[in-house]
Amino acid sequence: LAGVPITSFDLVVEVSDIWSFEAPAVLDSVVGIGAAPADHVFIDRVLYRVAISYALLWASVQVTPDQMAQAAASAAGVSPSLAGASSSRRLDSLEAEEAESRRLQNVFQLFVASTNAADLASLQTKISSTSNLETALSSLGISAG
């Protein structure tokens, strides 16, 4: 490959059925657009991600997306490089009708990833567990009280 420019890029493919994903079809589509000859295109790795929304109801505690990503990784038992989080704020829906007691809550989008699609159900169960996430946050020194 001497003299051949190397281009690397991340490609995100969203599928409704994880078992329908076919890496060779992705390769064929990249080659099909004329980006490079077939013998120069390869997939380095495939990561399967599962994502959940998590509303943090601890009004008095500030938690960053990085801390939630660490907690998700810990709760799922994966490397921190395979977890992430983003956050937004919304009115607490439980109290939305009572204008005088409205409060904002942090809502996190958490994800964990694996190279094995068969791990996704277990990972989703682990990061969907409030107890697992609270234990992981506690290990980071973050608690409700």
C-alpha atoms as a PDB file:
ATOM      1  CA  LEU A   1       0.000   0.000   0.000  1.00  0.00           C
ATOM      2  CA  ALA A   2       2.986   2.297  -0.383  1.00  0.00           C
ATOM      3  CA  GLY A   3       1.905   5.610  -1.811  1.00  0.00           C
ATOM      4  CA  VAL A   4      -1.800   4.887  -1.315  1.00  0.00           C
ATOM      5  CA  PRO A   5      -3.532   7.423   0.924  1.00  0.00           C
ATOM      6  CA  ILE A   6      -5.242   5.825   3.889  1.00  0.00           C
ATOM      7  CA  THR A   7      -8.605   7.110   4.980  1.00  0.00           C
ATOM      8  CA  SER A   8     -10.243   5.989   8.169  1.00  0.00           C
ATOM      9  CA  PHE A   9     -13.783   6.821   9.156  1.00  0.00           C
ATOM     10  CA  ASP A  10     -16.458   5.740  11.578  1.00  0.00           C
ATOM     11  CA  LEU A  11     -19.707   4.563  10.100  1.00  0.00           C
ATOM     12  CA  VAL A  12     -22.823   4.269  12.219  1.00  0.00           C
ATOM     13  CA  VAL A  13     -25.506   1.916  10.969  1.00  0.00           C
ATOM     14  CA  GLU A  14     -28.800   1.767  12.823  1.00  0.00           C
ATOM     15  CA  VAL A  15     -30.697  -1.486  12.391  1.00  0.00           C
ATOM     16  CA  SER A  16     -33.987  -2.629  13.856  1.00  0.00           C
ATOM     17  CA  ASP A  17     -32.831  -6.259  13.951  1.00  0.00           C
ATOM     18  CA  ILE A  18     -29.247  -6.675  15.111  1.00  0.00           C
ATOM     19  CA  TRP A  19     -29.022 -10.098  13.491  1.00  0.00           C
ATOM     20  CA  SER A  20     -29.749  -8.599  10.064  1.00  0.00           C
ATOM     21  CA  PHE A  21     -26.494  -6.591  10.059  1.00  0.00           C
ATOM     22  CA  GLU A  22     -24.083  -7.909   7.445  1.00  0.00           C
ATOM     23  CA  ALA A  23     -20.568  -6.468   7.370  1.00  0.00           C
ATOM     24  CA  PRO A  24     -19.896  -7.697   3.788  1.00  0.00           C
ATOM     25  CA  ALA A  25     -22.871  -5.654   2.547  1.00  0.00           C
ATOM     26  CA  VAL A  26     -21.410  -2.552   4.192  1.00  0.00           C
ATOM     27  CA  LEU A  27     -18.069  -3.211   2.495  1.00  0.00           C
ATOM     28  CA  ASP A  28     -19.806  -3.654  -0.860  1.00  0.00           C
ATOM     29  CA  SER A  29     -21.628  -0.336  -0.470  1.00  0.00           C
ATOM     30  CA  VAL A  30     -18.381   1.537   0.314  1.00  0.00           C
ATOM     31  CA  VAL A  31     -16.682  -0.036  -2.687  1.00  0.00           C
ATOM     32  CA  GLY A  32     -19.800   0.642  -4.773  1.00  0.00           C
ATOM     33  CA  ILE A  33     -19.540   4.408  -4.336  1.00  0.00           C
ATOM     34  CA  GLY A  34     -16.064   4.279  -5.812  1.00  0.00           C
ATOM     35  CA  ALA A  35     -14.287   5.408  -2.678  1.00  0.00           C
ATOM     36  CA  ALA A  36     -11.544   2.799  -3.108  1.00  0.00           C
ATOM     37  CA  PRO A  37     -10.835  -0.505  -4.822  1.00  0.00           C
ATOM     38  CA  ALA A  38     -12.238  -3.577  -3.045  1.00  0.00           C
ATOM     39  CA  ASP A  39      -8.778  -4.812  -2.034  1.00  0.00           C
ATOM     40  CA  HIS A  40      -8.196  -1.536  -0.143  1.00  0.00           C
ATOM     41  CA  VAL A  41     -11.378  -1.524   1.915  1.00  0.00           C
ATOM     42  CA  PHE A  42     -11.761  -3.399   5.185  1.00  0.00           C
ATOM     43  CA  ILE A  43     -13.641  -3.187   8.450  1.00  0.00           C
ATOM     44  CA  ASP A  44     -11.346  -2.790  11.424  1.00  0.00           C
ATOM     45  CA  ARG A  45     -13.996  -3.640  14.016  1.00  0.00           C
ATOM     46  CA  VAL A  46     -17.726  -3.683  14.567  1.00  0.00           C
ATOM     47  CA  LEU A  47     -19.192  -2.386  17.806  1.00  0.00           C
ATOM     48  CA  TYR A  48     -22.761  -3.066  18.821  1.00  0.00           C
ATOM     49  CA  ARG A  49     -24.277  -0.402  21.080  1.00  0.00           C
ATOM     50  CA  VAL A  50     -27.224  -0.405  23.392  1.00  0.00           C
ATOM     51  CA  ALA A  51     -28.567   2.898  24.700  1.00  0.00           C
ATOM     52  CA  ILE A  52     -31.026   3.881  27.419  1.00  0.00           C
ATOM     53  CA  SER A  53     -32.381   7.093  28.911  1.00  0.00           C
ATOM     54  CA  TYR A  54     -31.812   7.580  32.621  1.00  0.00           C
ATOM     55  CA  ALA A  55     -33.412  10.407  34.607  1.00  0.00           C
ATOM     56  CA  LEU A  56     -31.375  11.363  37.643  1.00  0.00           C
ATOM     57  CA  LEU A  57     -33.847  12.326  40.363  1.00  0.00           C
ATOM     58  CA  TRP A  58     -31.262  13.623  42.817  1.00  0.00           C
ATOM     59  CA  ALA A  59     -31.967  17.352  42.632  1.00  0.00           C
ATOM     60  CA  SER A  60     -29.172  18.281  45.037  1.00  0.00           C
ATOM     61  CA  VAL A  61     -26.418  16.360  43.233  1.00  0.00           C
ATOM     62  CA  GLN A  62     -24.573  17.482  40.124  1.00  0.00           C
ATOM     63  CA  VAL A  63     -23.378  14.620  37.915  1.00  0.00           C
ATOM     64  CA  THR A  64     -21.440  15.185  34.699  1.00  0.00           C
ATOM     65  CA  PRO A  65     -21.847  13.133  31.529  1.00  0.00           C
ATOM     66  CA  ASP A  66     -18.285  11.801  32.039  1.00  0.00           C
ATOM     67  CA  GLN A  67     -19.218  10.562  35.517  1.00  0.00           C
ATOM     68  CA  MET A  68     -22.373   8.907  34.167  1.00  0.00           C
ATOM     69  CA  ALA A  69     -20.321   7.275  31.392  1.00  0.00           C
ATOM     70  CA  GLN A  70     -17.944   5.886  34.037  1.00  0.00           C
ATOM     71  CA  ALA A  71     -20.925   4.643  36.056  1.00  0.00           C
ATOM     72  CA  ALA A  72     -22.467   2.993  32.969  1.00  0.00           C
ATOM     73  CA  ALA A  73     -19.158   1.263  32.188  1.00  0.00           C
ATOM     74  CA  SER A  74     -18.849   0.058  35.771  1.00  0.00           C
ATOM     75  CA  ALA A  75     -22.488  -1.088  35.965  1.00  0.00           C
ATOM     76  CA  ALA A  76     -22.131  -3.005  32.690  1.00  0.00           C
ATOM     77  CA  GLY A  77     -18.675  -4.379  33.439  1.00  0.00           C
ATOM     78  CA  VAL A  78     -17.092  -2.944  30.294  1.00  0.00           C
ATOM     79  CA  SER A  79     -14.059  -0.766  29.635  1.00  0.00           C
ATOM     80  CA  PRO A  80     -14.753   2.967  30.014  1.00  0.00           C
ATOM     81  CA  SER A  81     -13.767   3.336  26.347  1.00  0.00           C
ATOM     82  CA  LEU A  82     -16.916   1.332  25.473  1.00  0.00           C
ATOM     83  CA  ALA A  83     -19.333   3.600  27.342  1.00  0.00           C
ATOM     84  CA  GLY A  84     -20.613   7.122  26.937  1.00  0.00           C
ATOM     85  CA  ALA A  85     -23.239   9.576  28.095  1.00  0.00           C
ATOM     86  CA  SER A  86     -24.819  12.838  27.096  1.00  0.00           C
ATOM     87  CA  SER A  87     -27.248  14.899  29.128  1.00  0.00           C
ATOM     88  CA  SER A  88     -30.133  17.282  28.877  1.00  0.00           C
ATOM     89  CA  ARG A  89     -32.500  18.840  31.365  1.00  0.00           C
ATOM     90  CA  ARG A  90     -36.272  18.656  31.519  1.00  0.00           C
ATOM     91  CA  LEU A  91     -39.061  19.462  33.928  1.00  0.00           C
ATOM     92  CA  ASP A  92     -39.741  16.670  36.349  1.00  0.00           C
ATOM     93  CA  SER A  93     -42.833  15.053  34.852  1.00  0.00           C
ATOM     94  CA  LEU A  94     -44.026  13.849  38.246  1.00  0.00           C
ATOM     95  CA  GLU A  95     -44.470  17.408  39.422  1.00  0.00           C
ATOM     96  CA  ALA A  96     -45.202  19.169  36.132  1.00  0.00           C
ATOM     97  CA  GLU A  97     -48.826  19.936  37.068  1.00  0.00           C
ATOM     98  CA  GLU A  98     -47.807  21.821  40.196  1.00  0.00           C
ATOM     99  CA  ALA A  99     -46.223  25.000  38.818  1.00  0.00           C
ATOM    100  CA  GLU A 100     -44.874  26.144  42.174  1.00  0.00           C
ATOM    101  CA  SER A 101     -42.957  22.909  42.709  1.00  0.00           C
ATOM    102  CA  ARG A 102     -41.555  22.352  39.222  1.00  0.00           C
ATOM    103  CA  ARG A 103     -37.909  21.407  39.105  1.00  0.00           C
ATOM    104  CA  LEU A 104     -35.437  20.482  36.443  1.00  0.00           C
ATOM    105  CA  GLN A 105     -33.967  17.013  36.347  1.00  0.00           C
ATOM    106  CA  ASN A 106     -30.966  15.703  34.465  1.00  0.00           C
ATOM    107  CA  VAL A 107     -31.781  13.167  31.771  1.00  0.00           C
ATOM    108  CA  PHE A 108     -28.861  11.142  30.511  1.00  0.00           C
ATOM    109  CA  GLN A 109     -28.576   9.104  27.337  1.00  0.00           C
ATOM    110  CA  LEU A 110     -26.268   6.255  28.309  1.00  0.00           C
ATOM    111  CA  PHE A 111     -24.697   3.745  25.978  1.00  0.00           C
ATOM    112  CA  VAL A 112     -22.401   0.782  26.301  1.00  0.00           C
ATOM    113  CA  ALA A 113     -20.882  -1.182  23.467  1.00  0.00           C
ATOM    114  CA  SER A 114     -19.527  -4.642  22.751  1.00  0.00           C
ATOM    115  CA  THR A 115     -17.888  -6.376  19.806  1.00  0.00           C
ATOM    116  CA  ASN A 116     -20.306  -9.269  20.404  1.00  0.00           C
ATOM    117  CA  ALA A 117     -23.966  -8.727  19.470  1.00  0.00           C
ATOM    118  CA  ALA A 118     -24.961 -11.551  21.815  1.00  0.00           C
ATOM    119  CA  ASP A 119     -23.865  -9.382  24.795  1.00  0.00           C
ATOM    120  CA  LEU A 120     -26.432  -6.636  24.146  1.00  0.00           C
ATOM    121  CA  ALA A 121     -29.346  -8.058  26.132  1.00  0.00           C
ATOM    122  CA  SER A 122     -27.167  -8.535  29.203  1.00  0.00           C
ATOM    123  CA  LEU A 123     -25.613  -5.071  28.841  1.00  0.00           C
ATOM    124  CA  GLN A 124     -29.033  -3.454  28.519  1.00  0.00           C
ATOM    125  CA  THR A 125     -30.230  -5.209  31.672  1.00  0.00           C
ATOM    126  CA  LYS A 126     -27.146  -4.080  33.587  1.00  0.00           C
ATOM    127  CA  ILE A 127     -27.315  -0.398  32.629  1.00  0.00           C
ATOM    128  CA  SER A 128     -31.106  -0.282  32.985  1.00  0.00           C
ATOM    129  CA  SER A 129     -30.777  -1.265  36.632  1.00  0.00           C
ATOM    130  CA  THR A 130     -31.104   1.810  38.859  1.00  0.00           C
ATOM    131  CA  SER A 131     -29.425  -0.160  41.636  1.00  0.00           C
ATOM    132  CA  ASN A 132     -26.396  -0.955  39.438  1.00  0.00           C
ATOM    133  CA  LEU A 133     -26.055   2.693  38.379  1.00  0.00           C
ATOM    134  CA  GLU A 134     -26.432   4.009  41.939  1.00  0.00           C
ATOM    135  CA  THR A 135     -23.812   1.530  43.185  1.00  0.00           C
ATOM    136  CA  ALA A 136     -21.465   2.590  40.386  1.00  0.00           C
ATOM    137  CA  LEU A 137     -22.044   6.291  41.150  1.00  0.00           C
ATOM    138  CA  SER A 138     -21.447   5.596  44.834  1.00  0.00           C
ATOM    139  CA  SER A 139     -18.095   4.005  43.986  1.00  0.00           C
ATOM    140  CA  LEU A 140     -17.227   7.345  42.330  1.00  0.00           C
ATOM    141  CA  GLY A 141     -18.117   9.152  45.569  1.00  0.00           C
ATOM    142  CA  ILE A 142     -21.488  10.379  44.298  1.00  0.00           C
ATOM    143  CA  SER A 143     -24.653   9.668  46.267  1.00  0.00           C
ATOM    144  CA  ALA A 144     -28.101  11.129  46.834  1.00  0.00           C
ATOM    145  CA  GLY A 145     -27.492  12.022  50.412  1.00  0.00           C
END
